[in-house]
Amino acid sequence: MQGKAKELAVACARAAEEIQAEDIRVLDLRGISTLTDFMVICSGSSMPHLKAILRDVEKGVFESTGQRPSHAEGRAVTRWVVLDYFDVMVHILHDEMREHYALEELWGDAPSIEWAQEAA
């Protein structure tokens, strides 16, 4: 199960990369949080960019894994959207929101996954 969660997190990061999301990070929260196993955090610099990231992550992940988020919270106009895949949560934030909320610092004890080097 956890191998599948990591594969899903990598698929989310890759889908975000394809639409040129910025500063993509995958955090391994296993053993640190009961909320989720992996957290993907990425940024966009404008409303159209945030909408494109949201649309293409959902589409790309479905095409590569067959999975859809169980829930989505927020919209591009709120400048922070969360896609909940249960074992993976994807946070898509406007640059300013990301800097303000500093999720990487909040989860600073979580190791980062080198997702770009993971096998497809």
Protein backbone atom coordinates (compact mmCIF):
# COMPACT_ATOMS: atom_id res chain seq x y z
CA MET A 1 0.00 0.00 0.00
CA GLN A 2 2.74 2.49 0.91
CA GLY A 3 4.58 1.73 -2.34
CA LYS A 4 1.40 2.64 -4.21
CA ALA A 5 1.09 5.86 -2.20
CA LYS A 6 4.64 6.85 -3.11
CA GLU A 7 3.96 6.05 -6.78
CA LEU A 8 0.85 8.22 -6.63
CA ALA A 9 2.80 11.09 -5.02
CA VAL A 10 5.41 10.88 -7.78
CA ALA A 11 2.64 10.82 -10.43
CA CYS A 12 1.16 13.98 -8.88
CA ALA A 13 4.55 15.72 -8.90
CA ARG A 14 5.20 14.73 -12.50
CA ALA A 15 1.79 15.98 -13.61
CA ALA A 16 2.49 19.29 -11.89
CA GLU A 17 5.90 19.46 -13.57
CA GLU A 18 4.35 18.96 -17.00
CA ILE A 19 2.27 22.13 -16.59
CA GLN A 20 5.33 23.97 -15.25
CA ALA A 21 4.25 24.24 -11.62
CA GLU A 22 7.00 25.86 -9.60
CA ASP A 23 9.11 24.54 -6.72
CA ILE A 24 7.54 21.07 -6.55
CA ARG A 25 8.25 19.22 -3.32
CA VAL A 26 7.14 15.77 -2.17
CA LEU A 27 7.26 15.22 1.60
CA ASP A 28 7.16 11.78 3.22
CA LEU A 29 4.87 12.09 6.24
CA ARG A 30 4.74 8.39 7.09
CA GLY A 31 5.27 8.00 10.82
CA ILE A 32 4.95 11.77 11.31
CA SER A 33 1.28 12.41 10.55
CA THR A 34 -1.90 10.36 10.52
CA LEU A 35 -3.43 12.81 8.03
CA THR A 36 -1.70 11.42 4.94
CA ASP A 37 1.41 9.49 3.88
CA PHE A 38 2.75 11.97 1.33
CA MET A 39 2.27 15.65 0.68
CA VAL A 40 2.97 17.25 -2.69
CA ILE A 41 3.42 21.02 -2.59
CA CYS A 42 3.73 23.21 -5.67
CA SER A 43 3.23 26.83 -6.68
CA GLY A 44 1.79 28.89 -9.47
CA SER A 45 2.32 32.57 -10.16
CA SER A 46 -1.11 33.61 -11.49
CA MET A 47 -4.77 32.60 -11.43
CA PRO A 48 -4.63 31.08 -14.93
CA HIS A 49 -1.50 29.13 -13.94
CA LEU A 50 -3.15 27.82 -10.76
CA LYS A 51 -6.24 26.74 -12.74
CA ALA A 52 -4.03 24.97 -15.30
CA ILE A 53 -2.04 23.17 -12.59
CA LEU A 54 -5.24 22.01 -10.88
CA ARG A 55 -6.80 20.83 -14.15
CA ASP A 56 -3.69 19.10 -15.44
CA VAL A 57 -2.72 17.40 -12.18
CA GLU A 58 -6.20 15.88 -11.89
CA LYS A 59 -6.18 14.85 -15.56
CA GLY A 60 -2.57 13.61 -15.63
CA VAL A 61 -2.89 11.58 -12.44
CA PHE A 62 -6.12 9.98 -13.67
CA GLU A 63 -4.51 9.11 -17.02
CA SER A 64 -1.39 7.59 -15.41
CA THR A 65 -2.93 5.89 -12.35
CA GLY A 66 -6.70 5.77 -12.87
CA GLN A 67 -7.18 7.60 -9.57
CA ARG A 68 -9.24 10.70 -8.92
CA PRO A 69 -9.07 12.82 -5.78
CA SER A 70 -11.65 11.88 -3.17
CA HIS A 71 -12.09 15.55 -2.39
CA ALA A 72 -10.89 18.95 -3.56
CA GLU A 73 -10.90 21.95 -1.25
CA GLY A 74 -10.57 25.53 -2.43
CA ARG A 75 -10.48 27.01 -5.92
CA ALA A 76 -7.85 28.88 -7.89
CA VAL A 77 -9.42 32.21 -6.86
CA THR A 78 -8.72 31.34 -3.20
CA ARG A 79 -5.05 30.92 -4.20
CA TRP A 80 -4.80 27.57 -2.38
CA VAL A 81 -6.29 24.30 -3.57
CA VAL A 82 -5.90 20.89 -1.94
CA LEU A 83 -6.51 17.65 -3.82
CA ASP A 84 -7.04 14.77 -1.40
CA TYR A 85 -6.13 11.31 -2.67
CA PHE A 86 -6.26 9.89 0.93
CA ASP A 87 -2.64 8.67 1.06
CA VAL A 88 -1.45 11.73 -0.88
CA MET A 89 -2.48 15.35 -0.49
CA VAL A 90 -1.57 17.83 -3.21
CA HIS A 91 -1.31 21.49 -2.20
CA ILE A 92 -1.38 23.94 -5.13
CA LEU A 93 -0.65 27.44 -3.86
CA HIS A 94 -0.09 30.88 -5.28
CA ASP A 95 3.52 31.96 -4.62
CA GLU A 96 2.45 34.51 -2.00
CA MET A 97 0.28 32.02 -0.10
CA ARG A 98 3.05 29.44 -0.13
CA GLU A 99 5.53 31.89 1.30
CA HIS A 100 3.04 33.05 3.96
CA TYR A 101 1.96 29.59 5.18
CA ALA A 102 5.38 27.91 4.77
CA LEU A 103 4.13 24.32 4.72
CA GLU A 104 7.66 22.99 4.26
CA GLU A 105 8.66 24.63 7.54
CA LEU A 106 5.52 23.36 9.28
CA TRP A 107 6.46 19.82 8.19
CA GLY A 108 10.20 20.47 8.49
CA ASP A 109 10.85 17.08 10.09
CA ALA A 110 9.44 15.26 7.03
CA PRO A 111 12.06 14.02 4.56
CA SER A 112 11.75 15.10 0.94
CA ILE A 113 11.38 12.50 -1.78
CA GLU A 114 13.63 12.92 -4.81
CA TRP A 115 10.68 12.31 -7.12
CA ALA A 116 12.34 13.48 -10.36
CA GLN A 117 14.74 10.55 -10.10
CA GLU A 118 12.08 7.94 -9.31
CA ALA A 119 11.38 5.32 -11.96
CA ALA A 120 8.34 6.02 -14.13
